PDB file of N, CA and C in Angstrom:
ATOM      1  N   MET A   1       0.369  -1.550  -0.108  1.00  0.00           N
ATOM      2  CA  MET A   1      -0.183  -0.029   0.306  1.00  0.00           C
ATOM      3  C   MET A   1       0.786   1.337  -0.022  1.00  0.00           C
ATOM      4  N   ALA A   2       0.077   2.294  -0.729  1.00  0.00           N
ATOM      5  CA  ALA A   2       0.860   3.366  -0.898  1.00  0.00           C
ATOM      6  C   ALA A   2       1.490   4.371   0.104  1.00  0.00           C
ATOM      7  N   ARG A   3       2.005   5.047   0.826  1.00  0.00           N
ATOM      8  CA  ARG A   3       2.129   6.045   2.072  1.00  0.00           C
ATOM      9  C   ARG A   3       2.175   7.249   1.679  1.00  0.00           C
ATOM     10  N   ILE A   4       0.412   8.371   1.736  1.00  0.00           N
ATOM     11  CA  ILE A   4       0.696   9.385   1.587  1.00  0.00           C
ATOM     12  C   ILE A   4       1.826   9.938   2.573  1.00  0.00           C
ATOM     13  N   ARG A   5       2.300  11.255   1.646  1.00  0.00           N
ATOM     14  CA  ARG A   5       2.648  12.097   1.894  1.00  0.00           C
ATOM     15  C   ARG A   5       2.430  13.225   2.157  1.00  0.00           C
ATOM     16  N   PHE A   6       2.595  14.230   2.844  1.00  0.00           N
ATOM     17  CA  PHE A   6       2.353  15.562   3.219  1.00  0.00           C
ATOM     18  C   PHE A   6       3.328  16.648   3.060  1.00  0.00           C
ATOM     19  N   TYR A   7       3.587  18.002   2.377  1.00  0.00           N
ATOM     20  CA  TYR A   7       3.843  18.951   2.572  1.00  0.00           C
ATOM     21  C   TYR A   7       3.444  19.312   2.445  1.00  0.00           C
ATOM     22  N   THR A   8       4.038  20.478   3.598  1.00  0.00           N
ATOM     23  CA  THR A   8       3.648  21.676   4.161  1.00  0.00           C
ATOM     24  C   THR A   8       4.017  23.183   4.176  1.00  0.00           C
ATOM     25  N   ASP A   9       3.328  23.690   4.490  1.00  0.00           N
ATOM     26  CA  ASP A   9       4.557  25.198   4.746  1.00  0.00           C
ATOM     27  C   ASP A   9       4.991  25.719   6.057  1.00  0.00           C
ATOM     28  N   GLU A  10       4.727  26.646   6.055  1.00  0.00           N
ATOM     29  CA  GLU A  10       6.569  27.694   7.043  1.00  0.00           C
ATOM     30  C   GLU A  10       4.934  27.727   7.767  1.00  0.00           C
ATOM     31  N   GLN A  11       3.094  27.753   7.595  1.00  0.00           N
ATOM     32  CA  GLN A  11       1.938  28.684   8.136  1.00  0.00           C
ATOM     33  C   GLN A  11       1.478  27.521   9.078  1.00  0.00           C
ATOM     34  N   VAL A  12       2.022  26.062   8.567  1.00  0.00           N
ATOM     35  CA  VAL A  12       1.277  25.570   9.001  1.00  0.00           C
ATOM     36  C   VAL A  12       2.212  25.049  10.752  1.00  0.00           C
ATOM     37  N   ALA A  13       1.551  25.289  11.370  1.00  0.00           N
ATOM     38  CA  ALA A  13       1.926  26.080  13.031  1.00  0.00           C
ATOM     39  C   ALA A  13       3.275  24.310  12.646  1.00  0.00           C
ATOM     40  N   ARG A  14       3.815  24.457  14.903  1.00  0.00           N
ATOM     41  CA  ARG A  14       4.938  23.153  14.196  1.00  0.00           C
ATOM     42  C   ARG A  14       4.180  22.037  14.911  1.00  0.00           C
ATOM     43  N   ALA A  15       3.299  22.503  15.670  1.00  0.00           N
ATOM     44  CA  ALA A  15       2.703  21.237  16.927  1.00  0.00           C
ATOM     45  C   ALA A  15       2.366  20.513  16.576  1.00  0.00           C
ATOM     46  N   VAL A  16       1.068  20.994  14.517  1.00  0.00           N
ATOM     47  CA  VAL A  16       0.701  19.986  13.830  1.00  0.00           C
ATOM     48  C   VAL A  16       1.550  18.387  13.043  1.00  0.00           C
ATOM     49  N   VAL A  17       2.356  19.737  12.519  1.00  0.00           N
ATOM     50  CA  VAL A  17       3.837  18.878  11.787  1.00  0.00           C
ATOM     51  C   VAL A  17       4.261  17.874  13.340  1.00  0.00           C
ATOM     52  N   THR A  18       4.611  18.106  14.217  1.00  0.00           N
ATOM     53  CA  THR A  18       5.295  17.343  14.948  1.00  0.00           C
ATOM     54  C   THR A  18       4.264  15.893  15.763  1.00  0.00           C
ATOM     55  N   GLY A  19       3.318  16.254  15.623  1.00  0.00           N
ATOM     56  CA  GLY A  19       1.614  15.635  16.413  1.00  0.00           C
ATOM     57  C   GLY A  19       1.839  14.448  15.400  1.00  0.00           C
ATOM     58  N   LEU A  20       1.976  15.379  13.113  1.00  0.00           N
ATOM     59  CA  LEU A  20       1.752  13.799  12.441  1.00  0.00           C
ATOM     60  C   LEU A  20       2.723  13.413  12.364  1.00  0.00           C
ATOM     61  N   ARG A  21       3.692  13.444  12.800  1.00  0.00           N
ATOM     62  CA  ARG A  21       5.470  13.490  13.096  1.00  0.00           C
ATOM     63  C   ARG A  21       5.079  11.551  13.672  1.00  0.00           C
ATOM     64  N   ARG A  22       4.539  11.939  14.750  1.00  0.00           N
ATOM     65  CA  ARG A  22       4.486  10.641  15.399  1.00  0.00           C
ATOM     66  C   ARG A  22       3.366  10.006  15.894  1.00  0.00           C
ATOM     67  N   ARG A  23       2.839  10.600  14.553  1.00  0.00           N
ATOM     68  CA  ARG A  23       1.854   9.117  14.454  1.00  0.00           C
ATOM     69  C   ARG A  23       2.044   8.108  12.878  1.00  0.00           C
ATOM     70  N   GLY A  24       3.259   8.893  12.795  1.00  0.00           N
ATOM     71  CA  GLY A  24       3.784   7.543  11.500  1.00  0.00           C
ATOM     72  C   GLY A  24       3.597   7.983  10.725  1.00  0.00           C
ATOM     73  N   VAL A  25       3.094  10.182  10.452  1.00  0.00           N
ATOM     74  CA  VAL A  25       3.184  10.642   9.106  1.00  0.00           C
ATOM     75  C   VAL A  25       3.384  10.905   8.552  1.00  0.00           C
ATOM     76  N   ASP A  26       4.134  10.737   6.746  1.00  0.00           N
ATOM     77  CA  ASP A  26       5.161  11.324   6.374  1.00  0.00           C
ATOM     78  C   ASP A  26       5.020  12.930   6.377  1.00  0.00           C
ATOM     79  N   VAL A  27       5.680  14.046   6.583  1.00  0.00           N
ATOM     80  CA  VAL A  27       5.201  15.168   6.927  1.00  0.00           C
ATOM     81  C   VAL A  27       6.547  15.861   5.930  1.00  0.00           C
ATOM     82  N   LEU A  28       7.473  16.375   4.815  1.00  0.00           N
ATOM     83  CA  LEU A  28       8.117  17.355   4.894  1.00  0.00           C
ATOM     84  C   LEU A  28       6.830  19.035   4.516  1.00  0.00           C
ATOM     85  N   VAL A  29       8.079  19.738   4.571  1.00  0.00           N
ATOM     86  CA  VAL A  29       7.711  21.256   5.385  1.00  0.00           C
ATOM     87  C   VAL A  29       8.724  21.931   4.427  1.00  0.00           C
ATOM     88  N   VAL A  30       8.422  22.954   3.004  1.00  0.00           N
ATOM     89  CA  VAL A  30       9.032  23.957   2.299  1.00  0.00           C
ATOM     90  C   VAL A  30      10.372  23.930   3.039  1.00  0.00           C
ATOM     91  N   GLY A  31      10.049  24.773   4.459  1.00  0.00           N
ATOM     92  CA  GLY A  31      11.229  25.455   4.252  1.00  0.00           C
ATOM     93  C   GLY A  31      13.171  24.437   4.831  1.00  0.00           C
ATOM     94  N   GLU A  32      11.871  22.780   5.402  1.00  0.00           N
ATOM     95  CA  GLU A  32      13.038  22.525   5.998  1.00  0.00           C
ATOM     96  C   GLU A  32      14.098  21.922   4.476  1.00  0.00           C
ATOM     97  N   ILE A  33      12.702  21.468   3.675  1.00  0.00           N
ATOM     98  CA  ILE A  33      13.892  20.568   2.674  1.00  0.00           C
ATOM     99  C   ILE A  33      14.535  22.976   1.530  1.00  0.00           C
ATOM    100  N   ILE A  34      14.235  23.657   1.633  1.00  0.00           N
ATOM    101  CA  ILE A  34      15.633  24.421   1.440  1.00  0.00           C
ATOM    102  C   ILE A  34      16.045  24.656   2.417  1.00  0.00           C
ATOM    103  N   ARG A  35      15.793  24.795   3.257  1.00  0.00           N
ATOM    104  CA  ARG A  35      17.245  24.435   4.038  1.00  0.00           C
ATOM    105  C   ARG A  35      18.159  23.523   3.996  1.00  0.00           C
ATOM    106  N   GLY A  36      17.886  21.933   3.245  1.00  0.00           N
ATOM    107  CA  GLY A  36      18.759  21.212   3.039  1.00  0.00           C
ATOM    108  C   GLY A  36      19.722  21.612   1.453  1.00  0.00           C
ATOM    109  N   LEU A  37      18.684  22.373   0.987  1.00  0.00           N
ATOM    110  CA  LEU A  37      20.007  22.723  -0.563  1.00  0.00           C
ATOM    111  C   LEU A  37      20.171  23.909  -0.694  1.00  0.00           C
ATOM    112  N   MET A  38      20.465  24.881   0.723  1.00  0.00           N
ATOM    113  CA  MET A  38      21.427  25.820   0.860  1.00  0.00           C
ATOM    114  C   MET A  38      22.643  25.114   1.979  1.00  0.00           C
ATOM    115  N   VAL A  39      22.448  23.367   2.889  1.00  0.00           N
ATOM    116  CA  VAL A  39      23.918  23.044   3.391  1.00  0.00           C
ATOM    117  C   VAL A  39      24.206  22.251   2.152  1.00  0.00           C
ATOM    118  N   ILE A  40      23.447  22.115   1.049  1.00  0.00           N
ATOM    119  CA  ILE A  40      24.630  21.697  -0.402  1.00  0.00           C
ATOM    120  C   ILE A  40      25.216  22.278  -1.011  1.00  0.00           C
ATOM    121  N   HIS A  41      24.576  23.742  -1.424  1.00  0.00           N
ATOM    122  CA  HIS A  41      25.313  24.132  -1.963  1.00  0.00           C
ATOM    123  C   HIS A  41      26.686  24.775  -1.285  1.00  0.00           C
ATOM    124  N   GLU A  42      26.471  25.445   0.155  1.00  0.00           N
ATOM    125  CA  GLU A  42      27.507  25.572   0.871  1.00  0.00           C
ATOM    126  C   GLU A  42      29.110  24.704   0.915  1.00  0.00           C
ATOM    127  N   VAL A  43      28.311  22.937   0.323  1.00  0.00           N
ATOM    128  CA  VAL A  43      29.417  22.303   1.058  1.00  0.00           C
ATOM    129  C   VAL A  43      30.207  22.098  -0.143  1.00  0.00           C
ATOM    130  N   LEU A  44      28.850  21.613  -1.486  1.00  0.00           N
ATOM    131  CA  LEU A  44      30.024  21.848  -2.342  1.00  0.00           C
ATOM    132  C   LEU A  44      30.105  23.300  -3.413  1.00  0.00           C
ATOM    133  N   GLU A  45      30.941  22.736  -4.644  1.00  0.00           N
ATOM    134  CA  GLU A  45      31.008  23.405  -5.427  1.00  0.00           C
ATOM    135  C   GLU A  45      30.257  23.620  -6.750  1.00  0.00           C
ATOM    136  N   ALA A  46      30.497  24.491  -7.169  1.00  0.00           N
ATOM    137  CA  ALA A  46      29.268  24.062  -8.598  1.00  0.00           C
ATOM    138  C   ALA A  46      30.053  23.040  -9.293  1.00  0.00           C
ATOM    139  N   ASP A  47      31.398  22.730  -9.873  1.00  0.00           N
ATOM    140  CA  ASP A  47      31.450  21.881 -10.673  1.00  0.00           C
ATOM    141  C   ASP A  47      31.094  21.101  -9.739  1.00  0.00           C
ATOM    142  N   GLU A  48      31.237  20.597  -8.771  1.00  0.00           N
ATOM    143  CA  GLU A  48      30.729  19.170  -8.693  1.00  0.00           C
ATOM    144  C   GLU A  48      29.432  18.646  -8.172  1.00  0.00           C
ATOM    145  N   MET A  49      28.487  19.988  -8.484  1.00  0.00           N
ATOM    146  CA  MET A  49      27.471  19.916  -8.579  1.00  0.00           C
ATOM    147  C   MET A  49      26.319  19.809  -9.937  1.00  0.00           C
ATOM    148  N   ALA A  50      27.231  20.145 -10.585  1.00  0.00           N
ATOM    149  CA  ALA A  50      26.873  19.327 -11.936  1.00  0.00           C
ATOM    150  C   ALA A  50      27.188  18.385 -12.294  1.00  0.00           C
ATOM    151  N   GLY A  51      25.541  17.759 -12.387  1.00  0.00           N
ATOM    152  CA  GLY A  51      25.829  16.636 -13.296  1.00  0.00           C
ATOM    153  C   GLY A  51      24.458  16.058 -12.296  1.00  0.00           C
ATOM    154  N   ARG A  52      24.480  16.374 -11.355  1.00  0.00           N
ATOM    155  CA  ARG A  52      23.973  15.188  -9.781  1.00  0.00           C
ATOM    156  C   ARG A  52      22.132  15.063  -9.484  1.00  0.00           C
ATOM    157  N   VAL A  53      21.903  15.125  -9.050  1.00  0.00           N
ATOM    158  CA  VAL A  53      20.695  14.617  -8.359  1.00  0.00           C
ATOM    159  C   VAL A  53      20.823  14.682  -6.612  1.00  0.00           C
ATOM    160  N   GLU A  54      20.692  15.681  -6.127  1.00  0.00           N
ATOM    161  CA  GLU A  54      20.449  15.085  -4.285  1.00  0.00           C
ATOM    162  C   GLU A  54      19.078  14.579  -4.157  1.00  0.00           C
ATOM    163  N   TYR A  55      18.568  14.668  -2.925  1.00  0.00           N
ATOM    164  CA  TYR A  55      17.189  13.742  -2.235  1.00  0.00           C
ATOM    165  C   TYR A  55      17.846  13.217  -1.199  1.00  0.00           C
ATOM    166  N   LEU A  56      17.481  14.484  -0.485  1.00  0.00           N
ATOM    167  CA  LEU A  56      17.167  15.106   1.123  1.00  0.00           C
ATOM    168  C   LEU A  56      15.334  14.056   1.177  1.00  0.00           C
TER     169      LEU A  56
END
């Protein structure tokens, strides 16, 4: 059976996201994804990122 994944933005209360995760719901917050991409950008040089796909 396929799992449902929820994507939320920063407007959803943190307590809602935390509560859903505690209950086993797969919740991704757009801000967390962006912060993850920023870390990748800070760690890798442009030539190291060429031709790569990153999964968060």
